[in-house]
Amino acid sequence: MTEITRADFGEWDWETVLESFYPVMAEIQDIHHHRMAGTEWTPYIERGNVTELIAECRAILAQLDKPIAEARRALARVEGGARLRAHRRAKAGA
């Protein structure tokens, strides 16, 4: 398999990666803003209520599901294009 190098990425790939990951970071910021007190996670659940704590954890994970899935698809598209350019480069140099 041909190694992907920096040259195999287009100038637009940087922006595509940043734009695809922005929603993930925005969700993380939202989670932090609404669910953290300073540097500690402070769930608004009665201590000892593991059922509700699990539900809150699942809600946080669900909040991240869509933006993470979309970012993964965008990263795969960028890497796929770079992989194709790397293959063409290697084939031309052979």
N, C-alpha and C. Protein backbone atom coordinates (compact mmCIF):
# COMPACT_ATOMS: atom_id res chain seq x y z
N MET A 1 0.84 -1.18 0.00
CA MET A 1 0.00 0.00 0.00
C MET A 1 0.88 1.24 0.00
N THR A 2 0.52 2.21 -0.81
CA THR A 2 1.27 3.45 -0.92
C THR A 2 0.99 4.35 0.27
N GLU A 3 2.04 4.90 0.83
CA GLU A 3 1.90 5.79 1.97
C GLU A 3 1.39 7.15 1.52
N ILE A 4 0.44 7.68 2.26
CA ILE A 4 -0.07 9.02 1.97
C ILE A 4 0.90 10.04 2.57
N THR A 5 1.25 11.03 1.76
CA THR A 5 2.14 12.08 2.24
C THR A 5 1.36 13.40 2.30
N ARG A 6 1.98 14.37 2.86
CA ARG A 6 1.37 15.70 2.96
C ARG A 6 1.00 16.24 1.58
N ALA A 7 1.80 15.93 0.59
CA ALA A 7 1.57 16.42 -0.77
C ALA A 7 0.32 15.82 -1.41
N ASP A 8 -0.17 14.73 -0.87
CA ASP A 8 -1.34 14.07 -1.45
C ASP A 8 -2.66 14.74 -1.05
N PHE A 9 -2.59 15.66 -0.13
CA PHE A 9 -3.79 16.39 0.28
C PHE A 9 -3.87 17.69 -0.49
N GLY A 10 -5.08 18.07 -0.86
CA GLY A 10 -5.30 19.33 -1.55
C GLY A 10 -5.39 20.47 -0.56
N GLU A 11 -5.23 21.69 -1.07
CA GLU A 11 -5.28 22.86 -0.20
C GLU A 11 -6.64 23.01 0.46
N TRP A 12 -7.68 22.50 -0.15
CA TRP A 12 -9.04 22.57 0.38
C TRP A 12 -9.28 21.52 1.48
N ASP A 13 -8.44 20.51 1.56
CA ASP A 13 -8.65 19.45 2.55
C ASP A 13 -8.55 19.97 3.98
N TRP A 14 -7.66 20.91 4.22
CA TRP A 14 -7.51 21.49 5.56
C TRP A 14 -8.85 22.06 6.02
N GLU A 15 -9.47 22.87 5.16
CA GLU A 15 -10.75 23.50 5.51
C GLU A 15 -11.85 22.46 5.67
N THR A 16 -11.85 21.45 4.83
CA THR A 16 -12.86 20.40 4.93
C THR A 16 -12.77 19.68 6.26
N VAL A 17 -11.55 19.37 6.69
CA VAL A 17 -11.37 18.69 7.98
C VAL A 17 -11.81 19.60 9.12
N LEU A 18 -11.39 20.85 9.10
CA LEU A 18 -11.80 21.78 10.15
C LEU A 18 -13.32 21.92 10.20
N GLU A 19 -13.94 22.12 9.04
CA GLU A 19 -15.39 22.29 8.99
C GLU A 19 -16.13 21.03 9.44
N SER A 20 -15.58 19.87 9.13
CA SER A 20 -16.26 18.63 9.51
C SER A 20 -16.15 18.38 11.01
N PHE A 21 -15.11 18.89 11.65
CA PHE A 21 -14.92 18.62 13.07
C PHE A 21 -15.51 19.70 13.95
N TYR A 22 -15.82 20.85 13.37
CA TYR A 22 -16.39 21.93 14.16
C TYR A 22 -17.65 21.51 14.91
N PRO A 23 -18.62 20.82 14.29
CA PRO A 23 -19.81 20.41 15.04
C PRO A 23 -19.51 19.50 16.24
N VAL A 24 -18.48 18.67 16.14
CA VAL A 24 -18.09 17.82 17.27
C VAL A 24 -17.62 18.71 18.42
N MET A 25 -16.75 19.65 18.11
CA MET A 25 -16.23 20.53 19.15
C MET A 25 -17.33 21.43 19.73
N ALA A 26 -18.26 21.84 18.90
CA ALA A 26 -19.38 22.67 19.38
C ALA A 26 -20.24 21.88 20.36
N GLU A 27 -20.49 20.61 20.07
CA GLU A 27 -21.27 19.77 20.99
C GLU A 27 -20.52 19.56 22.29
N ILE A 28 -19.23 19.34 22.20
CA ILE A 28 -18.42 19.18 23.41
C ILE A 28 -18.49 20.45 24.25
N GLN A 29 -18.38 21.59 23.60
CA GLN A 29 -18.46 22.87 24.31
C GLN A 29 -19.84 23.02 24.96
N ASP A 30 -20.89 22.64 24.24
CA ASP A 30 -22.24 22.73 24.79
C ASP A 30 -22.40 21.81 26.00
N ILE A 31 -21.89 20.60 25.88
CA ILE A 31 -21.95 19.65 27.00
C ILE A 31 -21.20 20.23 28.19
N HIS A 32 -20.02 20.75 27.94
CA HIS A 32 -19.22 21.33 29.02
C HIS A 32 -19.96 22.49 29.68
N HIS A 33 -20.53 23.36 28.87
CA HIS A 33 -21.23 24.53 29.38
C HIS A 33 -22.43 24.15 30.26
N HIS A 34 -23.18 23.16 29.82
CA HIS A 34 -24.42 22.81 30.52
C HIS A 34 -24.26 21.75 31.61
N ARG A 35 -23.17 21.01 31.57
CA ARG A 35 -23.08 19.87 32.49
C ARG A 35 -21.84 19.87 33.38
N MET A 36 -21.03 20.91 33.28
CA MET A 36 -19.83 20.97 34.09
C MET A 36 -19.89 22.15 35.04
N ALA A 37 -19.31 21.97 36.21
CA ALA A 37 -19.14 23.07 37.16
C ALA A 37 -17.64 23.26 37.32
N GLY A 38 -17.11 24.26 36.64
CA GLY A 38 -15.66 24.45 36.65
C GLY A 38 -15.00 23.34 35.86
N THR A 39 -14.20 22.55 36.55
CA THR A 39 -13.50 21.46 35.87
C THR A 39 -14.08 20.09 36.21
N GLU A 40 -15.19 20.08 36.94
CA GLU A 40 -15.78 18.81 37.36
C GLU A 40 -17.15 18.61 36.74
N TRP A 41 -17.42 17.37 36.37
CA TRP A 41 -18.74 17.02 35.89
C TRP A 41 -19.62 16.84 37.12
N THR A 42 -20.72 17.56 37.11
CA THR A 42 -21.63 17.48 38.24
C THR A 42 -23.01 17.12 37.74
N PRO A 43 -23.30 15.84 37.62
CA PRO A 43 -24.62 15.44 37.12
C PRO A 43 -25.71 15.91 38.08
N TYR A 44 -26.81 16.36 37.51
CA TYR A 44 -27.93 16.83 38.32
C TYR A 44 -28.84 15.66 38.68
N ILE A 45 -28.25 14.72 39.37
CA ILE A 45 -28.96 13.49 39.72
C ILE A 45 -28.68 13.19 41.18
N GLU A 46 -29.69 12.69 41.84
CA GLU A 46 -29.53 12.32 43.24
C GLU A 46 -28.43 11.28 43.36
N ARG A 47 -27.49 11.52 44.26
CA ARG A 47 -26.37 10.59 44.47
C ARG A 47 -26.92 9.20 44.79
N GLY A 48 -26.39 8.21 44.12
CA GLY A 48 -26.81 6.84 44.34
C GLY A 48 -27.83 6.36 43.32
N ASN A 49 -28.41 7.27 42.53
CA ASN A 49 -29.40 6.88 41.53
C ASN A 49 -28.68 6.52 40.24
N VAL A 50 -28.20 5.31 40.20
CA VAL A 50 -27.37 4.85 39.08
C VAL A 50 -28.19 4.79 37.79
N THR A 51 -29.46 4.45 37.88
CA THR A 51 -30.32 4.39 36.70
C THR A 51 -30.36 5.74 35.99
N GLU A 52 -30.58 6.80 36.74
CA GLU A 52 -30.62 8.14 36.16
C GLU A 52 -29.24 8.59 35.67
N LEU A 53 -28.21 8.19 36.38
CA LEU A 53 -26.86 8.54 35.97
C LEU A 53 -26.52 7.90 34.63
N ILE A 54 -26.89 6.64 34.47
CA ILE A 54 -26.68 5.95 33.20
C ILE A 54 -27.46 6.64 32.10
N ALA A 55 -28.69 7.03 32.39
CA ALA A 55 -29.52 7.72 31.39
C ALA A 55 -28.86 9.04 30.97
N GLU A 56 -28.29 9.78 31.92
CA GLU A 56 -27.62 11.03 31.58
C GLU A 56 -26.38 10.77 30.73
N CYS A 57 -25.62 9.74 31.09
CA CYS A 57 -24.44 9.38 30.29
C CYS A 57 -24.84 9.01 28.87
N ARG A 58 -25.88 8.25 28.73
CA ARG A 58 -26.37 7.88 27.39
C ARG A 58 -26.83 9.11 26.60
N ALA A 59 -27.47 10.05 27.28
CA ALA A 59 -27.92 11.28 26.62
C ALA A 59 -26.73 12.08 26.10
N ILE A 60 -25.69 12.16 26.89
CA ILE A 60 -24.48 12.88 26.47
C ILE A 60 -23.85 12.19 25.26
N LEU A 61 -23.74 10.87 25.32
CA LEU A 61 -23.17 10.13 24.19
C LEU A 61 -24.03 10.29 22.94
N ALA A 62 -25.35 10.27 23.12
CA ALA A 62 -26.26 10.43 21.98
C ALA A 62 -26.10 11.81 21.35
N GLN A 63 -25.85 12.81 22.18
CA GLN A 63 -25.64 14.16 21.69
C GLN A 63 -24.43 14.23 20.76
N LEU A 64 -23.46 13.38 21.00
CA LEU A 64 -22.23 13.37 20.19
C LEU A 64 -22.31 12.44 18.98
N ASP A 65 -23.26 11.51 18.97
CA ASP A 65 -23.32 10.50 17.91
C ASP A 65 -23.34 11.08 16.50
N LYS A 66 -24.29 11.97 16.22
CA LYS A 66 -24.44 12.49 14.86
C LYS A 66 -23.22 13.29 14.40
N PRO A 67 -22.76 14.28 15.19
CA PRO A 67 -21.60 15.03 14.71
C PRO A 67 -20.35 14.17 14.54
N ILE A 68 -20.17 13.17 15.40
CA ILE A 68 -19.01 12.29 15.26
C ILE A 68 -19.13 11.45 14.00
N ALA A 69 -20.32 10.90 13.74
CA ALA A 69 -20.52 10.09 12.53
C ALA A 69 -20.28 10.91 11.27
N GLU A 70 -20.80 12.14 11.26
CA GLU A 70 -20.59 13.01 10.09
C GLU A 70 -19.12 13.38 9.92
N ALA A 71 -18.43 13.64 11.02
CA ALA A 71 -17.00 13.96 10.94
C ALA A 71 -16.21 12.76 10.42
N ARG A 72 -16.55 11.57 10.89
CA ARG A 72 -15.86 10.36 10.40
C ARG A 72 -16.03 10.20 8.89
N ARG A 73 -17.24 10.45 8.40
CA ARG A 73 -17.48 10.34 6.95
C ARG A 73 -16.67 11.38 6.18
N ALA A 74 -16.62 12.60 6.68
CA ALA A 74 -15.85 13.65 6.00
C ALA A 74 -14.35 13.32 6.01
N LEU A 75 -13.85 12.85 7.14
CA LEU A 75 -12.43 12.47 7.21
C LEU A 75 -12.13 11.33 6.25
N ALA A 76 -13.03 10.38 6.15
CA ALA A 76 -12.83 9.26 5.23
C ALA A 76 -12.80 9.74 3.78
N ARG A 77 -13.67 10.72 3.45
CA ARG A 77 -13.66 11.27 2.08
C ARG A 77 -12.34 11.96 1.80
N VAL A 78 -11.85 12.76 2.74
CA VAL A 78 -10.58 13.48 2.54
C VAL A 78 -9.44 12.48 2.40
N GLU A 79 -9.40 11.50 3.29
CA GLU A 79 -8.34 10.49 3.22
C GLU A 79 -8.46 9.65 1.95
N GLY A 80 -9.68 9.37 1.52
CA GLY A 80 -9.87 8.60 0.30
C GLY A 80 -9.31 9.32 -0.91
N GLY A 81 -9.57 10.63 -0.99
CA GLY A 81 -9.02 11.43 -2.08
C GLY A 81 -7.50 11.45 -2.05
N ALA A 82 -6.95 11.61 -0.86
CA ALA A 82 -5.48 11.63 -0.71
C ALA A 82 -4.89 10.27 -1.07
N ARG A 83 -5.58 9.20 -0.67
CA ARG A 83 -5.11 7.85 -0.98
C ARG A 83 -5.09 7.63 -2.50
N LEU A 84 -6.13 8.12 -3.18
CA LEU A 84 -6.18 8.00 -4.63
C LEU A 84 -5.05 8.80 -5.28
N ARG A 85 -4.80 10.01 -4.80
CA ARG A 85 -3.70 10.81 -5.35
C ARG A 85 -2.35 10.15 -5.07
N ALA A 86 -2.20 9.54 -3.90
CA ALA A 86 -0.95 8.85 -3.57
C ALA A 86 -0.74 7.66 -4.50
N HIS A 87 -1.82 6.94 -4.76
CA HIS A 87 -1.73 5.78 -5.66
C HIS A 87 -1.34 6.23 -7.07
N ARG A 88 -1.97 7.30 -7.54
CA ARG A 88 -1.64 7.82 -8.87
C ARG A 88 -0.18 8.30 -8.93
N ARG A 89 0.24 8.96 -7.85
CA ARG A 89 1.63 9.44 -7.78
C ARG A 89 2.60 8.28 -7.85
N ALA A 90 2.32 7.24 -7.09
CA ALA A 90 3.20 6.06 -7.06
C ALA A 90 3.21 5.36 -8.42
N LYS A 91 2.04 5.28 -9.03
CA LYS A 91 1.92 4.62 -10.34
C LYS A 91 2.69 5.41 -11.41
N ALA A 92 2.63 6.74 -11.35
CA ALA A 92 3.33 7.59 -12.31
C ALA A 92 4.84 7.50 -12.12
N GLY A 93 5.25 7.30 -10.86
CA GLY A 93 6.69 7.22 -10.58
C GLY A 93 7.27 5.85 -10.82
N ALA A 94 6.42 4.85 -11.02
CA ALA A 94 6.90 3.47 -11.19
C ALA A 94 7.45 3.20 -12.56
